[in-house]
PDB file of N, CA and C in Angstrom:
ATOM      1  N   MET A   1      -7.757   0.639 -21.035  1.00  0.00           N
ATOM      2  CA  MET A   1      -6.606   1.503 -21.020  1.00  0.00           C
ATOM      3  C   MET A   1      -6.045   1.495 -19.608  1.00  0.00           C
ATOM      4  N   THR A   2      -4.730   1.451 -19.540  1.00  0.00           N
ATOM      5  CA  THR A   2      -4.060   1.599 -18.254  1.00  0.00           C
ATOM      6  C   THR A   2      -3.146   2.803 -18.323  1.00  0.00           C
ATOM      7  N   ALA A   3      -2.945   3.407 -17.204  1.00  0.00           N
ATOM      8  CA  ALA A   3      -2.025   4.535 -17.110  1.00  0.00           C
ATOM      9  C   ALA A   3      -1.355   4.460 -15.753  1.00  0.00           C
ATOM     10  N   GLY A   4      -0.147   4.963 -15.680  1.00  0.00           N
ATOM     11  CA  GLY A   4       0.550   4.952 -14.403  1.00  0.00           C
ATOM     12  C   GLY A   4       1.971   5.430 -14.565  1.00  0.00           C
ATOM     13  N   SER A   5       2.638   5.538 -13.463  1.00  0.00           N
ATOM     14  CA  SER A   5       4.027   5.978 -13.436  1.00  0.00           C
ATOM     15  C   SER A   5       4.956   4.791 -13.636  1.00  0.00           C
ATOM     16  N   VAL A   6       6.241   5.067 -13.661  1.00  0.00           N
ATOM     17  CA  VAL A   6       7.253   4.025 -13.783  1.00  0.00           C
ATOM     18  C   VAL A   6       7.088   3.032 -12.637  1.00  0.00           C
ATOM     19  N   ASP A   7       7.198   1.753 -12.955  1.00  0.00           N
ATOM     20  CA  ASP A   7       7.123   0.653 -11.978  1.00  0.00           C
ATOM     21  C   ASP A   7       5.756   0.502 -11.305  1.00  0.00           C
ATOM     22  N   ASP A   8       4.700   0.976 -11.967  1.00  0.00           N
ATOM     23  CA  ASP A   8       3.357   0.770 -11.438  1.00  0.00           C
ATOM     24  C   ASP A   8       2.783  -0.593 -11.844  1.00  0.00           C
ATOM     25  N   GLY A   9       3.448  -1.300 -12.771  1.00  0.00           N
ATOM     26  CA  GLY A   9       2.991  -2.630 -13.147  1.00  0.00           C
ATOM     27  C   GLY A   9       2.107  -2.680 -14.382  1.00  0.00           C
ATOM     28  N   LYS A  10       2.201  -1.687 -15.241  1.00  0.00           N
ATOM     29  CA  LYS A  10       1.357  -1.668 -16.444  1.00  0.00           C
ATOM     30  C   LYS A  10       1.670  -2.845 -17.369  1.00  0.00           C
ATOM     31  N   SER A  11       2.944  -3.098 -17.630  1.00  0.00           N
ATOM     32  CA  SER A  11       3.329  -4.217 -18.496  1.00  0.00           C
ATOM     33  C   SER A  11       2.926  -5.548 -17.866  1.00  0.00           C
ATOM     34  N   THR A  12       3.078  -5.642 -16.574  1.00  0.00           N
ATOM     35  CA  THR A  12       2.702  -6.868 -15.867  1.00  0.00           C
ATOM     36  C   THR A  12       1.200  -7.088 -15.952  1.00  0.00           C
ATOM     37  N   LEU A  13       0.410  -6.032 -15.823  1.00  0.00           N
ATOM     38  CA  LEU A  13      -1.041  -6.143 -15.934  1.00  0.00           C
ATOM     39  C   LEU A  13      -1.455  -6.646 -17.312  1.00  0.00           C
ATOM     40  N   ILE A  14      -0.875  -6.069 -18.369  1.00  0.00           N
ATOM     41  CA  ILE A  14      -1.187  -6.509 -19.731  1.00  0.00           C
ATOM     42  C   ILE A  14      -0.755  -7.965 -19.912  1.00  0.00           C
ATOM     43  N   GLY A  15       0.432  -8.304 -19.401  1.00  0.00           N
ATOM     44  CA  GLY A  15       0.902  -9.689 -19.461  1.00  0.00           C
ATOM     45  C   GLY A  15      -0.039 -10.634 -18.737  1.00  0.00           C
ATOM     46  N   ARG A  16      -0.556 -10.209 -17.602  1.00  0.00           N
ATOM     47  CA  ARG A  16      -1.501 -11.043 -16.831  1.00  0.00           C
ATOM     48  C   ARG A  16      -2.797 -11.247 -17.608  1.00  0.00           C
ATOM     49  N   LEU A  17      -3.295 -10.197 -18.258  1.00  0.00           N
ATOM     50  CA  LEU A  17      -4.504 -10.328 -19.077  1.00  0.00           C
ATOM     51  C   LEU A  17      -4.289 -11.348 -20.201  1.00  0.00           C
ATOM     52  N   LEU A  18      -3.135 -11.263 -20.859  1.00  0.00           N
ATOM     53  CA  LEU A  18      -2.823 -12.209 -21.929  1.00  0.00           C
ATOM     54  C   LEU A  18      -2.707 -13.631 -21.389  1.00  0.00           C
ATOM     55  N   TYR A  19      -2.034 -13.770 -20.268  1.00  0.00           N
ATOM     56  CA  TYR A  19      -1.833 -15.092 -19.659  1.00  0.00           C
ATOM     57  C   TYR A  19      -3.167 -15.695 -19.208  1.00  0.00           C
ATOM     58  N   ASP A  20      -3.972 -14.913 -18.496  1.00  0.00           N
ATOM     59  CA  ASP A  20      -5.246 -15.413 -17.984  1.00  0.00           C
ATOM     60  C   ASP A  20      -6.247 -15.731 -19.089  1.00  0.00           C
ATOM     61  N   SER A  21      -6.157 -15.025 -20.218  1.00  0.00           N
ATOM     62  CA  SER A  21      -7.077 -15.294 -21.325  1.00  0.00           C
ATOM     63  C   SER A  21      -6.542 -16.395 -22.245  1.00  0.00           C
ATOM     64  N   GLN A  22      -5.413 -16.997 -21.857  1.00  0.00           N
ATOM     65  CA  GLN A  22      -4.776 -18.073 -22.618  1.00  0.00           C
ATOM     66  C   GLN A  22      -4.504 -17.650 -24.059  1.00  0.00           C
ATOM     67  N   SER A  23      -4.003 -16.432 -24.209  1.00  0.00           N
ATOM     68  CA  SER A  23      -3.726 -15.860 -25.523  1.00  0.00           C
ATOM     69  C   SER A  23      -2.233 -15.851 -25.841  1.00  0.00           C
ATOM     70  N   ILE A  24      -1.489 -16.720 -25.185  1.00  0.00           N
ATOM     71  CA  ILE A  24      -0.047 -16.777 -25.381  1.00  0.00           C
ATOM     72  C   ILE A  24       0.296 -18.119 -26.008  1.00  0.00           C
ATOM     73  N   TYR A  25       1.080 -18.075 -27.071  1.00  0.00           N
ATOM     74  CA  TYR A  25       1.538 -19.316 -27.680  1.00  0.00           C
ATOM     75  C   TYR A  25       2.535 -19.997 -26.755  1.00  0.00           C
ATOM     76  N   GLU A  26       2.583 -21.306 -26.827  1.00  0.00           N
ATOM     77  CA  GLU A  26       3.440 -22.082 -25.936  1.00  0.00           C
ATOM     78  C   GLU A  26       4.912 -21.676 -26.070  1.00  0.00           C
ATOM     79  N   ASP A  27       5.365 -21.420 -27.294  1.00  0.00           N
ATOM     80  CA  ASP A  27       6.767 -21.029 -27.470  1.00  0.00           C
ATOM     81  C   ASP A  27       7.051 -19.662 -26.853  1.00  0.00           C
ATOM     82  N   GLN A  28       6.067 -18.754 -26.893  1.00  0.00           N
ATOM     83  CA  GLN A  28       6.239 -17.442 -26.248  1.00  0.00           C
ATOM     84  C   GLN A  28       6.338 -17.610 -24.736  1.00  0.00           C
ATOM     85  N   LEU A  29       5.478 -18.447 -24.187  1.00  0.00           N
ATOM     86  CA  LEU A  29       5.482 -18.674 -22.747  1.00  0.00           C
ATOM     87  C   LEU A  29       6.798 -19.315 -22.314  1.00  0.00           C
ATOM     88  N   ASN A  30       7.293 -20.263 -23.094  1.00  0.00           N
ATOM     89  CA  ASN A  30       8.571 -20.897 -22.771  1.00  0.00           C
ATOM     90  C   ASN A  30       9.715 -19.891 -22.819  1.00  0.00           C
ATOM     91  N   ALA A  31       9.682 -18.992 -23.793  1.00  0.00           N
ATOM     92  CA  ALA A  31      10.722 -17.953 -23.895  1.00  0.00           C
ATOM     93  C   ALA A  31      10.687 -17.030 -22.679  1.00  0.00           C
ATOM     94  N   VAL A  32       9.487 -16.671 -22.229  1.00  0.00           N
ATOM     95  CA  VAL A  32       9.350 -15.812 -21.043  1.00  0.00           C
ATOM     96  C   VAL A  32       9.851 -16.547 -19.807  1.00  0.00           C
ATOM     97  N   LYS A  33       9.538 -17.831 -19.697  1.00  0.00           N
ATOM     98  CA  LYS A  33      10.019 -18.614 -18.553  1.00  0.00           C
ATOM     99  C   LYS A  33      11.537 -18.644 -18.520  1.00  0.00           C
ATOM    100  N   ARG A  34      12.166 -18.809 -19.687  1.00  0.00           N
ATOM    101  CA  ARG A  34      13.629 -18.838 -19.751  1.00  0.00           C
ATOM    102  C   ARG A  34      14.237 -17.476 -19.414  1.00  0.00           C
ATOM    103  N   ALA A  35      13.583 -16.400 -19.848  1.00  0.00           N
ATOM    104  CA  ALA A  35      14.117 -15.050 -19.650  1.00  0.00           C
ATOM    105  C   ALA A  35      13.836 -14.496 -18.256  1.00  0.00           C
ATOM    106  N   SER A  36      12.857 -15.058 -17.564  1.00  0.00           N
ATOM    107  CA  SER A  36      12.472 -14.551 -16.240  1.00  0.00           C
ATOM    108  C   SER A  36      13.573 -14.812 -15.223  1.00  0.00           C
ATOM    109  N   ARG A  37      13.866 -13.792 -14.441  1.00  0.00           N
ATOM    110  CA  ARG A  37      14.874 -13.932 -13.393  1.00  0.00           C
ATOM    111  C   ARG A  37      14.277 -14.504 -12.117  1.00  0.00           C
ATOM    112  N   THR A  38      13.046 -14.097 -11.809  1.00  0.00           N
ATOM    113  CA  THR A  38      12.372 -14.597 -10.609  1.00  0.00           C
ATOM    114  C   THR A  38      10.943 -14.956 -10.977  1.00  0.00           C
ATOM    115  N   GLY A  39      10.563 -16.189 -10.774  1.00  0.00           N
ATOM    116  CA  GLY A  39       9.200 -16.615 -11.088  1.00  0.00           C
ATOM    117  C   GLY A  39       8.881 -16.442 -12.558  1.00  0.00           C
ATOM    118  N   LEU A  40       7.657 -16.152 -12.859  1.00  0.00           N
ATOM    119  CA  LEU A  40       7.204 -15.911 -14.227  1.00  0.00           C
ATOM    120  C   LEU A  40       6.950 -14.420 -14.377  1.00  0.00           C
ATOM    121  N   GLU A  41       7.849 -13.708 -15.050  1.00  0.00           N
ATOM    122  CA  GLU A  41       7.745 -12.260 -15.218  1.00  0.00           C
ATOM    123  C   GLU A  41       6.859 -11.952 -16.421  1.00  0.00           C
ATOM    124  N   LEU A  42       5.577 -11.742 -16.166  1.00  0.00           N
ATOM    125  CA  LEU A  42       4.601 -11.558 -17.235  1.00  0.00           C
ATOM    126  C   LEU A  42       4.814 -10.272 -18.024  1.00  0.00           C
ATOM    127  N   ALA A  43       5.516  -9.314 -17.479  1.00  0.00           N
ATOM    128  CA  ALA A  43       5.810  -8.075 -18.213  1.00  0.00           C
ATOM    129  C   ALA A  43       6.638  -8.366 -19.453  1.00  0.00           C
ATOM    130  N   LEU A  44       7.387  -9.456 -19.453  1.00  0.00           N
ATOM    131  CA  LEU A  44       8.225  -9.804 -20.601  1.00  0.00           C
ATOM    132  C   LEU A  44       7.395 -10.161 -21.829  1.00  0.00           C
ATOM    133  N   LEU A  45       6.109 -10.432 -21.658  1.00  0.00           N
ATOM    134  CA  LEU A  45       5.243 -10.712 -22.803  1.00  0.00           C
ATOM    135  C   LEU A  45       5.058  -9.489 -23.683  1.00  0.00           C
ATOM    136  N   THR A  46       5.144  -8.305 -23.097  1.00  0.00           N
ATOM    137  CA  THR A  46       4.997  -7.082 -23.890  1.00  0.00           C
ATOM    138  C   THR A  46       6.316  -6.351 -24.069  1.00  0.00           C
ATOM    139  N   ASP A  47       7.262  -6.559 -23.182  1.00  0.00           N
ATOM    140  CA  ASP A  47       8.570  -5.919 -23.296  1.00  0.00           C
ATOM    141  C   ASP A  47       9.489  -6.836 -24.088  1.00  0.00           C
ATOM    142  N   GLY A  48       9.437  -6.698 -25.421  1.00  0.00           N
ATOM    143  CA  GLY A  48      10.131  -7.624 -26.293  1.00  0.00           C
ATOM    144  C   GLY A  48      11.557  -7.265 -26.647  1.00  0.00           C
ATOM    145  N   LEU A  49      11.915  -6.004 -26.553  1.00  0.00           N
ATOM    146  CA  LEU A  49      13.275  -5.604 -26.895  1.00  0.00           C
ATOM    147  C   LEU A  49      14.243  -6.001 -25.779  1.00  0.00           C
ATOM    148  N   ARG A  50      15.444  -6.368 -26.166  1.00  0.00           N
ATOM    149  CA  ARG A  50      16.455  -6.748 -25.178  1.00  0.00           C
ATOM    150  C   ARG A  50      16.683  -5.618 -24.171  1.00  0.00           C
ATOM    151  N   ALA A  51      16.770  -4.392 -24.659  1.00  0.00           N
ATOM    152  CA  ALA A  51      16.997  -3.247 -23.768  1.00  0.00           C
ATOM    153  C   ALA A  51      15.849  -3.086 -22.770  1.00  0.00           C
ATOM    154  N   GLU A  52      14.629  -3.369 -23.204  1.00  0.00           N
ATOM    155  CA  GLU A  52      13.481  -3.274 -22.295  1.00  0.00           C
ATOM    156  C   GLU A  52      13.606  -4.308 -21.184  1.00  0.00           C
ATOM    157  N   ARG A  53      13.989  -5.520 -21.559  1.00  0.00           N
ATOM    158  CA  ARG A  53      14.120  -6.583 -20.561  1.00  0.00           C
ATOM    159  C   ARG A  53      15.274  -6.299 -19.606  1.00  0.00           C
ATOM    160  N   GLU A  54      16.383  -5.814 -20.131  1.00  0.00           N
ATOM    161  CA  GLU A  54      17.553  -5.546 -19.291  1.00  0.00           C
ATOM    162  C   GLU A  54      17.315  -4.382 -18.334  1.00  0.00           C
ATOM    163  N   GLN A  55      16.646  -3.332 -18.829  1.00  0.00           N
ATOM    164  CA  GLN A  55      16.441  -2.135 -18.016  1.00  0.00           C
ATOM    165  C   GLN A  55      15.135  -2.148 -17.241  1.00  0.00           C
ATOM    166  N   GLY A  56      14.234  -3.069 -17.590  1.00  0.00           N
ATOM    167  CA  GLY A  56      12.958  -3.144 -16.898  1.00  0.00           C
ATOM    168  C   GLY A  56      12.034  -1.994 -17.203  1.00  0.00           C
ATOM    169  N   ILE A  57      12.154  -1.426 -18.422  1.00  0.00           N
ATOM    170  CA  ILE A  57      11.297  -0.307 -18.815  1.00  0.00           C
ATOM    171  C   ILE A  57      10.712  -0.565 -20.195  1.00  0.00           C
ATOM    172  N   THR A  58       9.637   0.123 -20.527  1.00  0.00           N
ATOM    173  CA  THR A  58       9.047   0.035 -21.852  1.00  0.00           C
ATOM    174  C   THR A  58       9.683   1.097 -22.737  1.00  0.00           C
ATOM    175  N   ILE A  59      10.180   0.673 -23.903  1.00  0.00           N
ATOM    176  CA  ILE A  59      10.824   1.584 -24.839  1.00  0.00           C
ATOM    177  C   ILE A  59      10.014   1.715 -26.118  1.00  0.00           C
ATOM    178  N   ASP A  60       9.448   0.619 -26.579  1.00  0.00           N
ATOM    179  CA  ASP A  60       8.752   0.573 -27.860  1.00  0.00           C
ATOM    180  C   ASP A  60       7.298   0.164 -27.653  1.00  0.00           C
ATOM    181  N   VAL A  61       6.463   0.448 -28.637  1.00  0.00           N
ATOM    182  CA  VAL A  61       5.060   0.062 -28.582  1.00  0.00           C
ATOM    183  C   VAL A  61       4.936  -1.439 -28.821  1.00  0.00           C
ATOM    184  N   ALA A  62       4.120  -2.102 -28.038  1.00  0.00           N
ATOM    185  CA  ALA A  62       3.873  -3.538 -28.204  1.00  0.00           C
ATOM    186  C   ALA A  62       2.383  -3.740 -28.446  1.00  0.00           C
ATOM    187  N   TYR A  63       2.055  -4.388 -29.554  1.00  0.00           N
ATOM    188  CA  TYR A  63       0.659  -4.702 -29.870  1.00  0.00           C
ATOM    189  C   TYR A  63       0.423  -6.182 -29.647  1.00  0.00           C
ATOM    190  N   ARG A  64      -0.617  -6.520 -28.920  1.00  0.00           N
ATOM    191  CA  ARG A  64      -0.974  -7.918 -28.694  1.00  0.00           C
ATOM    192  C   ARG A  64      -2.486  -8.045 -28.818  1.00  0.00           C
ATOM    193  N   TYR A  65      -2.919  -9.021 -29.586  1.00  0.00           N
ATOM    194  CA  TYR A  65      -4.341  -9.315 -29.712  1.00  0.00           C
ATOM    195  C   TYR A  65      -4.691 -10.455 -28.764  1.00  0.00           C
ATOM    196  N   PHE A  66      -5.854 -10.375 -28.188  1.00  0.00           N
ATOM    197  CA  PHE A  66      -6.343 -11.507 -27.406  1.00  0.00           C
ATOM    198  C   PHE A  66      -7.857 -11.507 -27.448  1.00  0.00           C
ATOM    199  N   SER A  67      -8.428 -12.655 -27.190  1.00  0.00           N
ATOM    200  CA  SER A  67      -9.884 -12.734 -27.189  1.00  0.00           C
ATOM    201  C   SER A  67     -10.340 -13.596 -26.035  1.00  0.00           C
ATOM    202  N   ASN A  68     -11.446 -13.220 -25.505  1.00  0.00           N
ATOM    203  CA  ASN A  68     -12.132 -13.976 -24.475  1.00  0.00           C
ATOM    204  C   ASN A  68     -13.585 -13.953 -24.923  1.00  0.00           C
ATOM    205  N   ALA A  69     -14.411 -13.153 -24.306  1.00  0.00           N
ATOM    206  CA  ALA A  69     -15.767 -12.970 -24.800  1.00  0.00           C
ATOM    207  C   ALA A  69     -15.757 -11.977 -25.959  1.00  0.00           C
ATOM    208  N   LEU A  70     -14.780 -11.085 -25.965  1.00  0.00           N
ATOM    209  CA  LEU A  70     -14.635 -10.070 -26.999  1.00  0.00           C
ATOM    210  C   LEU A  70     -13.219 -10.110 -27.543  1.00  0.00           C
ATOM    211  N   LEU A  71     -13.044  -9.647 -28.764  1.00  0.00           N
ATOM    212  CA  LEU A  71     -11.710  -9.500 -29.328  1.00  0.00           C
ATOM    213  C   LEU A  71     -11.177  -8.139 -28.904  1.00  0.00           C
ATOM    214  N   ALA A  72      -9.953  -8.100 -28.441  1.00  0.00           N
ATOM    215  CA  ALA A  72      -9.384  -6.840 -27.977  1.00  0.00           C
ATOM    216  C   ALA A  72      -7.964  -6.682 -28.503  1.00  0.00           C
ATOM    217  N   LEU A  73      -7.538  -5.462 -28.564  1.00  0.00           N
ATOM    218  CA  LEU A  73      -6.168  -5.131 -28.934  1.00  0.00           C
ATOM    219  C   LEU A  73      -5.565  -4.337 -27.801  1.00  0.00           C
ATOM    220  N   CYS A  74      -4.445  -4.802 -27.309  1.00  0.00           N
ATOM    221  CA  CYS A  74      -3.702  -4.050 -26.292  1.00  0.00           C
ATOM    222  C   CYS A  74      -2.524  -3.410 -26.969  1.00  0.00           C
ATOM    223  N   ALA A  75      -2.370  -2.144 -26.780  1.00  0.00           N
ATOM    224  CA  ALA A  75      -1.199  -1.429 -27.278  1.00  0.00           C
ATOM    225  C   ALA A  75      -0.517  -0.847 -26.055  1.00  0.00           C
ATOM    226  N   GLU A  76       0.645  -1.372 -25.727  1.00  0.00           N
ATOM    227  CA  GLU A  76       1.374  -0.896 -24.571  1.00  0.00           C
ATOM    228  C   GLU A  76       2.444   0.053 -25.059  1.00  0.00           C
ATOM    229  N   THR A  77       2.399   1.289 -24.586  1.00  0.00           N
ATOM    230  CA  THR A  77       3.295   2.312 -25.105  1.00  0.00           C
ATOM    231  C   THR A  77       4.091   2.969 -23.981  1.00  0.00           C
ATOM    232  N   VAL A  78       5.075   3.699 -24.401  1.00  0.00           N
ATOM    233  CA  VAL A  78       5.892   4.451 -23.462  1.00  0.00           C
ATOM    234  C   VAL A  78       5.103   5.640 -22.933  1.00  0.00           C
ATOM    235  N   GLY A  79       5.286   5.941 -21.663  1.00  0.00           N
ATOM    236  CA  GLY A  79       4.716   7.137 -21.041  1.00  0.00           C
ATOM    237  C   GLY A  79       3.290   7.258 -21.287  1.00  0.00           C
TER     238      GLY A  79
END
């Protein structure tokens, strides 16, 4: 579980976990690369709504499954 204030990097942290565990499909990664304004914006992996990407905030719940040694579910939510 992560918690923090606005712009603390929660979405980026979840995106980094997904990226490092190689739990991202190639087409998803390509879409994030195209949508990123600077470098590879890993927060875009969980911020899927256009409004979230434009405003840089989380609006909706994003569920992502990934596995490494264990299977995990990340649910990134507002506030």
